[in-house]
Amino acid sequence: MLAYNGMVPRAVQQGVTGITTDGLDRAFAAVPRMLLSHGARDALVVVAMSRRMLAINRSARFSIYPNAGHAPFIEDASRFNREIAAFAASLPAGDLP
């Protein structure tokens, strides 16, 4: 994981800090189905971001991983896999690629 993250071009890494949120509220509110999986110990993205997205999109589902940081898909893979499988199974067939 460190290797492929380290391969991100410097311009992209620097550009992330310039991203604005203009229009994101409308975009996130319009997503018909959303699963927010968040590690409570995430040092990069605060839990308040997931809670904000939940407030913007009331149909979103929120799952917090108390012992995970930025990578709950690695830190609690079995739970993450169960939840993402259940989420995918709950989608109407037309919503799947």
PDB file of N, CA and C in Angstrom:
ATOM      1  N   MET A   1       0.827  -1.185   0.000  1.00  0.00           N
ATOM      2  CA  MET A   1       0.000   0.000   0.000  1.00  0.00           C
ATOM      3  C   MET A   1       0.876   1.255   0.000  1.00  0.00           C
ATOM      4  N   LEU A   2       1.950   1.217   0.765  1.00  0.00           N
ATOM      5  CA  LEU A   2       2.847   2.371   0.794  1.00  0.00           C
ATOM      6  C   LEU A   2       3.471   2.614  -0.577  1.00  0.00           C
ATOM      7  N   ALA A   3       3.783   1.530  -1.280  1.00  0.00           N
ATOM      8  CA  ALA A   3       4.428   1.670  -2.587  1.00  0.00           C
ATOM      9  C   ALA A   3       3.515   2.373  -3.588  1.00  0.00           C
ATOM     10  N   TYR A   4       2.269   1.898  -3.719  1.00  0.00           N
ATOM     11  CA  TYR A   4       1.422   2.544  -4.731  1.00  0.00           C
ATOM     12  C   TYR A   4       1.002   3.939  -4.319  1.00  0.00           C
ATOM     13  N   ASN A   5       0.884   4.208  -3.025  1.00  0.00           N
ATOM     14  CA  ASN A   5       0.595   5.586  -2.612  1.00  0.00           C
ATOM     15  C   ASN A   5       1.792   6.493  -2.864  1.00  0.00           C
ATOM     16  N   GLY A   6       2.996   5.938  -2.731  1.00  0.00           N
ATOM     17  CA  GLY A   6       4.202   6.699  -2.992  1.00  0.00           C
ATOM     18  C   GLY A   6       4.404   7.004  -4.466  1.00  0.00           C
ATOM     19  N   MET A   7       3.704   6.285  -5.336  1.00  0.00           N
ATOM     20  CA  MET A   7       3.828   6.486  -6.769  1.00  0.00           C
ATOM     21  C   MET A   7       2.933   7.617  -7.285  1.00  0.00           C
ATOM     22  N   VAL A   8       2.094   8.165  -6.425  1.00  0.00           N
ATOM     23  CA  VAL A   8       1.229   9.275  -6.829  1.00  0.00           C
ATOM     24  C   VAL A   8       2.126  10.473  -7.158  1.00  0.00           C
ATOM     25  N   PRO A   9       1.965  11.046  -8.338  1.00  0.00           N
ATOM     26  CA  PRO A   9       2.818  12.182  -8.722  1.00  0.00           C
ATOM     27  C   PRO A   9       2.732  13.330  -7.713  1.00  0.00           C
ATOM     28  N   ARG A  10       3.829  14.009  -7.520  1.00  0.00           N
ATOM     29  CA  ARG A  10       3.916  15.115  -6.560  1.00  0.00           C
ATOM     30  C   ARG A  10       2.858  16.176  -6.844  1.00  0.00           C
ATOM     31  N   ALA A  11       2.612  16.477  -8.098  1.00  0.00           N
ATOM     32  CA  ALA A  11       1.616  17.494  -8.450  1.00  0.00           C
ATOM     33  C   ALA A  11       0.229  17.101  -7.943  1.00  0.00           C
ATOM     34  N   VAL A  12      -0.084  15.822  -7.986  1.00  0.00           N
ATOM     35  CA  VAL A  12      -1.378  15.345  -7.484  1.00  0.00           C
ATOM     36  C   VAL A  12      -1.422  15.487  -5.969  1.00  0.00           C
ATOM     37  N   GLN A  13      -0.352  15.073  -5.300  1.00  0.00           N
ATOM     38  CA  GLN A  13      -0.289  15.197  -3.841  1.00  0.00           C
ATOM     39  C   GLN A  13      -0.471  16.650  -3.408  1.00  0.00           C
ATOM     40  N   GLN A  14       0.184  17.564  -4.099  1.00  0.00           N
ATOM     41  CA  GLN A  14       0.066  18.982  -3.758  1.00  0.00           C
ATOM     42  C   GLN A  14      -1.304  19.534  -4.135  1.00  0.00           C
ATOM     43  N   GLY A  15      -1.888  19.019  -5.204  1.00  0.00           N
ATOM     44  CA  GLY A  15      -3.183  19.504  -5.659  1.00  0.00           C
ATOM     45  C   GLY A  15      -4.327  19.164  -4.731  1.00  0.00           C
ATOM     46  N   VAL A  16      -4.186  18.092  -3.968  1.00  0.00           N
ATOM     47  CA  VAL A  16      -5.253  17.671  -3.054  1.00  0.00           C
ATOM     48  C   VAL A  16      -5.592  18.780  -2.065  1.00  0.00           C
ATOM     49  N   THR A  17      -4.594  19.522  -1.647  1.00  0.00           N
ATOM     50  CA  THR A  17      -4.852  20.594  -0.675  1.00  0.00           C
ATOM     51  C   THR A  17      -5.651  21.751  -1.274  1.00  0.00           C
ATOM     52  N   GLY A  18      -5.714  21.826  -2.598  1.00  0.00           N
ATOM     53  CA  GLY A  18      -6.453  22.903  -3.248  1.00  0.00           C
ATOM     54  C   GLY A  18      -7.875  22.539  -3.632  1.00  0.00           C
ATOM     55  N   ILE A  19      -8.291  21.334  -3.315  1.00  0.00           N
ATOM     56  CA  ILE A  19      -9.645  20.907  -3.672  1.00  0.00           C
ATOM     57  C   ILE A  19     -10.661  21.720  -2.864  1.00  0.00           C
ATOM     58  N   THR A  20     -11.661  22.215  -3.544  1.00  0.00           N
ATOM     59  CA  THR A  20     -12.719  22.965  -2.852  1.00  0.00           C
ATOM     60  C   THR A  20     -13.948  22.078  -2.701  1.00  0.00           C
ATOM     61  N   THR A  21     -14.866  22.511  -1.908  1.00  0.00           N
ATOM     62  CA  THR A  21     -16.088  21.741  -1.672  1.00  0.00           C
ATOM     63  C   THR A  21     -17.287  22.314  -2.401  1.00  0.00           C
ATOM     64  N   ASP A  22     -17.065  23.279  -3.268  1.00  0.00           N
ATOM     65  CA  ASP A  22     -18.169  23.881  -4.016  1.00  0.00           C
ATOM     66  C   ASP A  22     -18.951  22.809  -4.775  1.00  0.00           C
ATOM     67  N   GLY A  23     -20.223  22.717  -4.505  1.00  0.00           N
ATOM     68  CA  GLY A  23     -21.092  21.784  -5.212  1.00  0.00           C
ATOM     69  C   GLY A  23     -21.121  20.375  -4.653  1.00  0.00           C
ATOM     70  N   LEU A  24     -20.238  20.057  -3.700  1.00  0.00           N
ATOM     71  CA  LEU A  24     -20.207  18.688  -3.186  1.00  0.00           C
ATOM     72  C   LEU A  24     -21.454  18.331  -2.384  1.00  0.00           C
ATOM     73  N   ASP A  25     -21.999  19.269  -1.645  1.00  0.00           N
ATOM     74  CA  ASP A  25     -23.209  18.974  -0.876  1.00  0.00           C
ATOM     75  C   ASP A  25     -24.321  18.479  -1.799  1.00  0.00           C
ATOM     76  N   ARG A  26     -24.536  19.180  -2.895  1.00  0.00           N
ATOM     77  CA  ARG A  26     -25.571  18.765  -3.853  1.00  0.00           C
ATOM     78  C   ARG A  26     -25.238  17.409  -4.461  1.00  0.00           C
ATOM     79  N   ALA A  27     -23.976  17.204  -4.789  1.00  0.00           N
ATOM     80  CA  ALA A  27     -23.570  15.933  -5.399  1.00  0.00           C
ATOM     81  C   ALA A  27     -23.774  14.771  -4.433  1.00  0.00           C
ATOM     82  N   PHE A  28     -23.339  14.921  -3.184  1.00  0.00           N
ATOM     83  CA  PHE A  28     -23.498  13.839  -2.209  1.00  0.00           C
ATOM     84  C   PHE A  28     -24.966  13.614  -1.842  1.00  0.00           C
ATOM     85  N   ALA A  29     -25.749  14.678  -1.822  1.00  0.00           N
ATOM     86  CA  ALA A  29     -27.177  14.533  -1.518  1.00  0.00           C
ATOM     87  C   ALA A  29     -27.891  13.747  -2.604  1.00  0.00           C
ATOM     88  N   ALA A  30     -27.392  13.815  -3.822  1.00  0.00           N
ATOM     89  CA  ALA A  30     -28.057  13.162  -4.953  1.00  0.00           C
ATOM     90  C   ALA A  30     -27.682  11.688  -5.117  1.00  0.00           C
ATOM     91  N   VAL A  31     -26.680  11.214  -4.397  1.00  0.00           N
ATOM     92  CA  VAL A  31     -26.283   9.807  -4.512  1.00  0.00           C
ATOM     93  C   VAL A  31     -27.406   8.950  -3.925  1.00  0.00           C
ATOM     94  N   PRO A  32     -27.976   8.037  -4.710  1.00  0.00           N
ATOM     95  CA  PRO A  32     -29.142   7.292  -4.222  1.00  0.00           C
ATOM     96  C   PRO A  32     -28.831   6.299  -3.101  1.00  0.00           C
ATOM     97  N   ARG A  33     -27.634   5.725  -3.097  1.00  0.00           N
ATOM     98  CA  ARG A  33     -27.254   4.752  -2.063  1.00  0.00           C
ATOM     99  C   ARG A  33     -25.795   4.969  -1.716  1.00  0.00           C
ATOM    100  N   MET A  34     -25.516   5.032  -0.415  1.00  0.00           N
ATOM    101  CA  MET A  34     -24.149   5.324   0.019  1.00  0.00           C
ATOM    102  C   MET A  34     -23.857   4.576   1.315  1.00  0.00           C
ATOM    103  N   LEU A  35     -22.687   3.954   1.371  1.00  0.00           N
ATOM    104  CA  LEU A  35     -22.219   3.317   2.600  1.00  0.00           C
ATOM    105  C   LEU A  35     -20.983   4.069   3.057  1.00  0.00           C
ATOM    106  N   LEU A  36     -21.035   4.632   4.240  1.00  0.00           N
ATOM    107  CA  LEU A  36     -19.913   5.368   4.811  1.00  0.00           C
ATOM    108  C   LEU A  36     -19.221   4.473   5.830  1.00  0.00           C
ATOM    109  N   SER A  37     -18.071   3.960   5.491  1.00  0.00           N
ATOM    110  CA  SER A  37     -17.286   3.104   6.380  1.00  0.00           C
ATOM    111  C   SER A  37     -16.126   3.935   6.897  1.00  0.00           C
ATOM    112  N   HIS A  38     -16.051   4.105   8.219  1.00  0.00           N
ATOM    113  CA  HIS A  38     -15.072   5.041   8.768  1.00  0.00           C
ATOM    114  C   HIS A  38     -14.372   4.448   9.983  1.00  0.00           C
ATOM    115  N   GLY A  39     -13.044   4.548   9.989  1.00  0.00           N
ATOM    116  CA  GLY A  39     -12.264   4.143  11.149  1.00  0.00           C
ATOM    117  C   GLY A  39     -12.261   5.244  12.188  1.00  0.00           C
ATOM    118  N   ALA A  40     -12.618   4.922  13.418  1.00  0.00           N
ATOM    119  CA  ALA A  40     -12.681   5.928  14.485  1.00  0.00           C
ATOM    120  C   ALA A  40     -11.308   6.515  14.797  1.00  0.00           C
ATOM    121  N   ARG A  41     -10.257   5.774  14.481  1.00  0.00           N
ATOM    122  CA  ARG A  41      -8.895   6.239  14.758  1.00  0.00           C
ATOM    123  C   ARG A  41      -8.206   6.809  13.516  1.00  0.00           C
ATOM    124  N   ASP A  42      -8.986   7.180  12.530  1.00  0.00           N
ATOM    125  CA  ASP A  42      -8.437   7.729  11.288  1.00  0.00           C
ATOM    126  C   ASP A  42      -7.752   9.062  11.585  1.00  0.00           C
ATOM    127  N   ALA A  43      -6.468   9.144  11.263  1.00  0.00           N
ATOM    128  CA  ALA A  43      -5.704  10.369  11.507  1.00  0.00           C
ATOM    129  C   ALA A  43      -5.730  11.305  10.303  1.00  0.00           C
ATOM    130  N   LEU A  44      -6.300  10.849   9.185  1.00  0.00           N
ATOM    131  CA  LEU A  44      -6.314  11.661   7.964  1.00  0.00           C
ATOM    132  C   LEU A  44      -7.675  12.288   7.682  1.00  0.00           C
ATOM    133  N   VAL A  45      -8.730  11.561   7.960  1.00  0.00           N
ATOM    134  CA  VAL A  45     -10.090  12.048   7.709  1.00  0.00           C
ATOM    135  C   VAL A  45     -10.866  11.927   9.015  1.00  0.00           C
ATOM    136  N   VAL A  46     -11.353  13.041   9.511  1.00  0.00           N
ATOM    137  CA  VAL A  46     -12.058  13.028  10.790  1.00  0.00           C
ATOM    138  C   VAL A  46     -13.456  12.422  10.632  1.00  0.00           C
ATOM    139  N   VAL A  47     -13.936  11.782  11.678  1.00  0.00           N
ATOM    140  CA  VAL A  47     -15.256  11.138  11.671  1.00  0.00           C
ATOM    141  C   VAL A  47     -16.347  12.150  11.349  1.00  0.00           C
ATOM    142  N   ALA A  48     -16.120  13.394  11.694  1.00  0.00           N
ATOM    143  CA  ALA A  48     -17.110  14.439  11.413  1.00  0.00           C
ATOM    144  C   ALA A  48     -17.429  14.523   9.919  1.00  0.00           C
ATOM    145  N   MET A  49     -16.476  14.151   9.061  1.00  0.00           N
ATOM    146  CA  MET A  49     -16.739  14.173   7.618  1.00  0.00           C
ATOM    147  C   MET A  49     -17.807  13.152   7.252  1.00  0.00           C
ATOM    148  N   SER A  50     -17.704  11.940   7.802  1.00  0.00           N
ATOM    149  CA  SER A  50     -18.730  10.927   7.528  1.00  0.00           C
ATOM    150  C   SER A  50     -20.067  11.356   8.109  1.00  0.00           C
ATOM    151  N   ARG A  51     -20.029  11.923   9.303  1.00  0.00           N
ATOM    152  CA  ARG A  51     -21.277  12.377   9.922  1.00  0.00           C
ATOM    153  C   ARG A  51     -21.899  13.513   9.098  1.00  0.00           C
ATOM    154  N   ARG A  52     -21.085  14.367   8.542  1.00  0.00           N
ATOM    155  CA  ARG A  52     -21.602  15.445   7.687  1.00  0.00           C
ATOM    156  C   ARG A  52     -22.259  14.869   6.433  1.00  0.00           C
ATOM    157  N   MET A  53     -21.607  13.892   5.824  1.00  0.00           N
ATOM    158  CA  MET A  53     -22.186  13.277   4.632  1.00  0.00           C
ATOM    159  C   MET A  53     -23.494  12.571   4.983  1.00  0.00           C
ATOM    160  N   LEU A  54     -23.560  11.986   6.154  1.00  0.00           N
ATOM    161  CA  LEU A  54     -24.793  11.343   6.611  1.00  0.00           C
ATOM    162  C   LEU A  54     -25.909  12.379   6.784  1.00  0.00           C
ATOM    163  N   ALA A  55     -25.557  13.545   7.289  1.00  0.00           N
ATOM    164  CA  ALA A  55     -26.546  14.614   7.456  1.00  0.00           C
ATOM    165  C   ALA A  55     -27.010  15.144   6.099  1.00  0.00           C
ATOM    166  N   ILE A  56     -26.109  15.184   5.129  1.00  0.00           N
ATOM    167  CA  ILE A  56     -26.443  15.669   3.789  1.00  0.00           C
ATOM    168  C   ILE A  56     -27.311  14.664   3.042  1.00  0.00           C
ATOM    169  N   ASN A  57     -27.017  13.385   3.246  1.00  0.00           N
ATOM    170  CA  ASN A  57     -27.731  12.325   2.525  1.00  0.00           C
ATOM    171  C   ASN A  57     -28.325  11.359   3.547  1.00  0.00           C
ATOM    172  N   ARG A  58     -29.580  11.557   3.874  1.00  0.00           N
ATOM    173  CA  ARG A  58     -30.251  10.774   4.911  1.00  0.00           C
ATOM    174  C   ARG A  58     -30.442   9.300   4.541  1.00  0.00           C
ATOM    175  N   SER A  59     -30.280   8.952   3.275  1.00  0.00           N
ATOM    176  CA  SER A  59     -30.404   7.546   2.891  1.00  0.00           C
ATOM    177  C   SER A  59     -29.073   6.804   3.030  1.00  0.00           C
ATOM    178  N   ALA A  60     -28.010   7.525   3.348  1.00  0.00           N
ATOM    179  CA  ALA A  60     -26.694   6.896   3.513  1.00  0.00           C
ATOM    180  C   ALA A  60     -26.683   6.010   4.759  1.00  0.00           C
ATOM    181  N   ARG A  61     -25.858   4.991   4.695  1.00  0.00           N
ATOM    182  CA  ARG A  61     -25.630   4.118   5.856  1.00  0.00           C
ATOM    183  C   ARG A  61     -24.254   4.448   6.414  1.00  0.00           C
ATOM    184  N   PHE A  62     -24.143   4.427   7.735  1.00  0.00           N
ATOM    185  CA  PHE A  62     -22.899   4.799   8.419  1.00  0.00           C
ATOM    186  C   PHE A  62     -22.413   3.639   9.263  1.00  0.00           C
ATOM    187  N   SER A  63     -21.150   3.284   9.096  1.00  0.00           N
ATOM    188  CA  SER A  63     -20.555   2.197   9.861  1.00  0.00           C
ATOM    189  C   SER A  63     -19.209   2.656  10.392  1.00  0.00           C
ATOM    190  N   ILE A  64     -19.083   2.686  11.709  1.00  0.00           N
ATOM    191  CA  ILE A  64     -17.820   3.123  12.307  1.00  0.00           C
ATOM    192  C   ILE A  64     -17.068   1.914  12.854  1.00  0.00           C
ATOM    193  N   TYR A  65     -15.773   1.911  12.629  1.00  0.00           N
ATOM    194  CA  TYR A  65     -14.887   0.849  13.082  1.00  0.00           C
ATOM    195  C   TYR A  65     -14.061   1.401  14.239  1.00  0.00           C
ATOM    196  N   PRO A  66     -14.414   1.058  15.476  1.00  0.00           N
ATOM    197  CA  PRO A  66     -13.774   1.684  16.638  1.00  0.00           C
ATOM    198  C   PRO A  66     -12.266   1.461  16.732  1.00  0.00           C
ATOM    199  N   ASN A  67     -11.775   0.341  16.244  1.00  0.00           N
ATOM    200  CA  ASN A  67     -10.347   0.033  16.375  1.00  0.00           C
ATOM    201  C   ASN A  67      -9.577   0.196  15.074  1.00  0.00           C
ATOM    202  N   ALA A  68     -10.169   0.847  14.096  1.00  0.00           N
ATOM    203  CA  ALA A  68      -9.515   1.019  12.801  1.00  0.00           C
ATOM    204  C   ALA A  68      -9.136   2.476  12.586  1.00  0.00           C
ATOM    205  N   GLY A  69      -8.128   2.655  11.754  1.00  0.00           N
ATOM    206  CA  GLY A  69      -7.715   3.991  11.358  1.00  0.00           C
ATOM    207  C   GLY A  69      -8.221   4.297   9.961  1.00  0.00           C
ATOM    208  N   HIS A  70      -7.301   4.644   9.066  1.00  0.00           N
ATOM    209  CA  HIS A  70      -7.651   5.082   7.715  1.00  0.00           C
ATOM    210  C   HIS A  70      -7.990   3.930   6.766  1.00  0.00           C
ATOM    211  N   ALA A  71      -7.763   2.692   7.191  1.00  0.00           N
ATOM    212  CA  ALA A  71      -7.961   1.564   6.281  1.00  0.00           C
ATOM    213  C   ALA A  71      -8.771   0.437   6.923  1.00  0.00           C
ATOM    214  N   PRO A  72     -10.048   0.679   7.233  1.00  0.00           N
ATOM    215  CA  PRO A  72     -10.842  -0.387   7.853  1.00  0.00           C
ATOM    216  C   PRO A  72     -10.950  -1.624   6.967  1.00  0.00           C
ATOM    217  N   PHE A  73     -10.796  -1.454   5.656  1.00  0.00           N
ATOM    218  CA  PHE A  73     -10.850  -2.588   4.738  1.00  0.00           C
ATOM    219  C   PHE A  73      -9.661  -3.526   4.946  1.00  0.00           C
ATOM    220  N   ILE A  74      -8.597  -3.045   5.584  1.00  0.00           N
ATOM    221  CA  ILE A  74      -7.448  -3.887   5.935  1.00  0.00           C
ATOM    222  C   ILE A  74      -7.484  -4.217   7.431  1.00  0.00           C
ATOM    223  N   GLU A  75      -7.754  -3.219   8.253  1.00  0.00           N
ATOM    224  CA  GLU A  75      -7.663  -3.364   9.703  1.00  0.00           C
ATOM    225  C   GLU A  75      -8.767  -4.244  10.295  1.00  0.00           C
ATOM    226  N   ASP A  76      -9.901  -4.312   9.635  1.00  0.00           N
ATOM    227  CA  ASP A  76     -10.994  -5.208  10.047  1.00  0.00           C
ATOM    228  C   ASP A  76     -11.640  -5.758   8.780  1.00  0.00           C
ATOM    229  N   ALA A  77     -10.827  -6.470   8.006  1.00  0.00           N
ATOM    230  CA  ALA A  77     -11.240  -6.925   6.673  1.00  0.00           C
ATOM    231  C   ALA A  77     -12.480  -7.803   6.701  1.00  0.00           C
ATOM    232  N   SER A  78     -12.604  -8.689   7.683  1.00  0.00           N
ATOM    233  CA  SER A  78     -13.766  -9.589   7.687  1.00  0.00           C
ATOM    234  C   SER A  78     -15.062  -8.804   7.880  1.00  0.00           C
ATOM    235  N   ARG A  79     -15.073  -7.859   8.794  1.00  0.00           N
ATOM    236  CA  ARG A  79     -16.277  -7.037   8.998  1.00  0.00           C
ATOM    237  C   ARG A  79     -16.551  -6.177   7.767  1.00  0.00           C
ATOM    238  N   PHE A  80     -15.503  -5.530   7.244  1.00  0.00           N
ATOM    239  CA  PHE A  80     -15.671  -4.689   6.068  1.00  0.00           C
ATOM    240  C   PHE A  80     -16.247  -5.491   4.909  1.00  0.00           C
ATOM    241  N   ASN A  81     -15.699  -6.681   4.667  1.00  0.00           N
ATOM    242  CA  ASN A  81     -16.179  -7.516   3.564  1.00  0.00           C
ATOM    243  C   ASN A  81     -17.637  -7.927   3.756  1.00  0.00           C
ATOM    244  N   ARG A  82     -18.013  -8.258   4.991  1.00  0.00           N
ATOM    245  CA  ARG A  82     -19.417  -8.603   5.268  1.00  0.00           C
ATOM    246  C   ARG A  82     -20.328  -7.415   4.982  1.00  0.00           C
ATOM    247  N   GLU A  83     -19.929  -6.240   5.451  1.00  0.00           N
ATOM    248  CA  GLU A  83     -20.773  -5.056   5.283  1.00  0.00           C
ATOM    249  C   GLU A  83     -20.871  -4.624   3.829  1.00  0.00           C
ATOM    250  N   ILE A  84     -19.765  -4.679   3.105  1.00  0.00           N
ATOM    251  CA  ILE A  84     -19.823  -4.257   1.697  1.00  0.00           C
ATOM    252  C   ILE A  84     -20.616  -5.274   0.876  1.00  0.00           C
ATOM    253  N   ALA A  85     -20.519  -6.558   1.235  1.00  0.00           N
ATOM    254  CA  ALA A  85     -21.298  -7.585   0.540  1.00  0.00           C
ATOM    255  C   ALA A  85     -22.787  -7.394   0.811  1.00  0.00           C
ATOM    256  N   ALA A  86     -23.140  -7.117   2.065  1.00  0.00           N
ATOM    257  CA  ALA A  86     -24.548  -6.888   2.412  1.00  0.00           C
ATOM    258  C   ALA A  86     -25.074  -5.633   1.720  1.00  0.00           C
ATOM    259  N   PHE A  87     -24.263  -4.589   1.659  1.00  0.00           N
ATOM    260  CA  PHE A  87     -24.657  -3.357   0.988  1.00  0.00           C
ATOM    261  C   PHE A  87     -24.890  -3.624  -0.496  1.00  0.00           C
ATOM    262  N   ALA A  88     -23.961  -4.315  -1.138  1.00  0.00           N
ATOM    263  CA  ALA A  88     -24.097  -4.626  -2.561  1.00  0.00           C
ATOM    264  C   ALA A  88     -25.329  -5.490  -2.816  1.00  0.00           C
ATOM    265  N   ALA A  89     -25.586  -6.442  -1.924  1.00  0.00           N
ATOM    266  CA  ALA A  89     -26.747  -7.323  -2.086  1.00  0.00           C
ATOM    267  C   ALA A  89     -28.060  -6.565  -1.932  1.00  0.00           C
ATOM    268  N   SER A  90     -28.028  -5.447  -1.211  1.00  0.00           N
ATOM    269  CA  SER A  90     -29.258  -4.676  -0.996  1.00  0.00           C
ATOM    270  C   SER A  90     -29.590  -3.756  -2.167  1.00  0.00           C
ATOM    271  N   LEU A  91     -28.665  -3.604  -3.104  1.00  0.00           N
ATOM    272  CA  LEU A  91     -28.886  -2.703  -4.233  1.00  0.00           C
ATOM    273  C   LEU A  91     -29.804  -3.357  -5.268  1.00  0.00           C
ATOM    274  N   PRO A  92     -30.681  -2.583  -5.856  1.00  0.00           N
ATOM    275  CA  PRO A  92     -31.476  -3.119  -6.953  1.00  0.00           C
ATOM    276  C   PRO A  92     -30.564  -3.555  -8.083  1.00  0.00           C
ATOM    277  N   ALA A  93     -30.937  -4.601  -8.797  1.00  0.00           N
ATOM    278  CA  ALA A  93     -30.099  -5.158  -9.852  1.00  0.00           C
ATOM    279  C   ALA A  93     -29.687  -4.116 -10.887  1.00  0.00           C
ATOM    280  N   GLY A  94     -30.533  -3.150 -11.161  1.00  0.00           N
ATOM    281  CA  GLY A  94     -30.213  -2.113 -12.136  1.00  0.00           C
ATOM    282  C   GLY A  94     -29.127  -1.165 -11.694  1.00  0.00           C
ATOM    283  N   ASP A  95     -28.804  -1.152 -10.398  1.00  0.00           N
ATOM    284  CA  ASP A  95     -27.774  -0.255  -9.887  1.00  0.00           C
ATOM    285  C   ASP A  95     -26.376  -0.840  -9.982  1.00  0.00           C
ATOM    286  N   LEU A  96     -26.272  -2.122 -10.315  1.00  0.00           N
ATOM    287  CA  LEU A  96     -24.971  -2.770 -10.386  1.00  0.00           C
ATOM    288  C   LEU A  96     -24.427  -2.670 -11.814  1.00  0.00           C
ATOM    289  N   PRO A  97     -23.102  -2.514 -11.921  1.00  0.00           N
ATOM    290  CA  PRO A  97     -22.511  -2.409 -13.267  1.00  0.00           C
ATOM    291  C   PRO A  97     -22.626  -3.711 -14.034  1.00  0.00           C
TER     292      PRO A  97
END
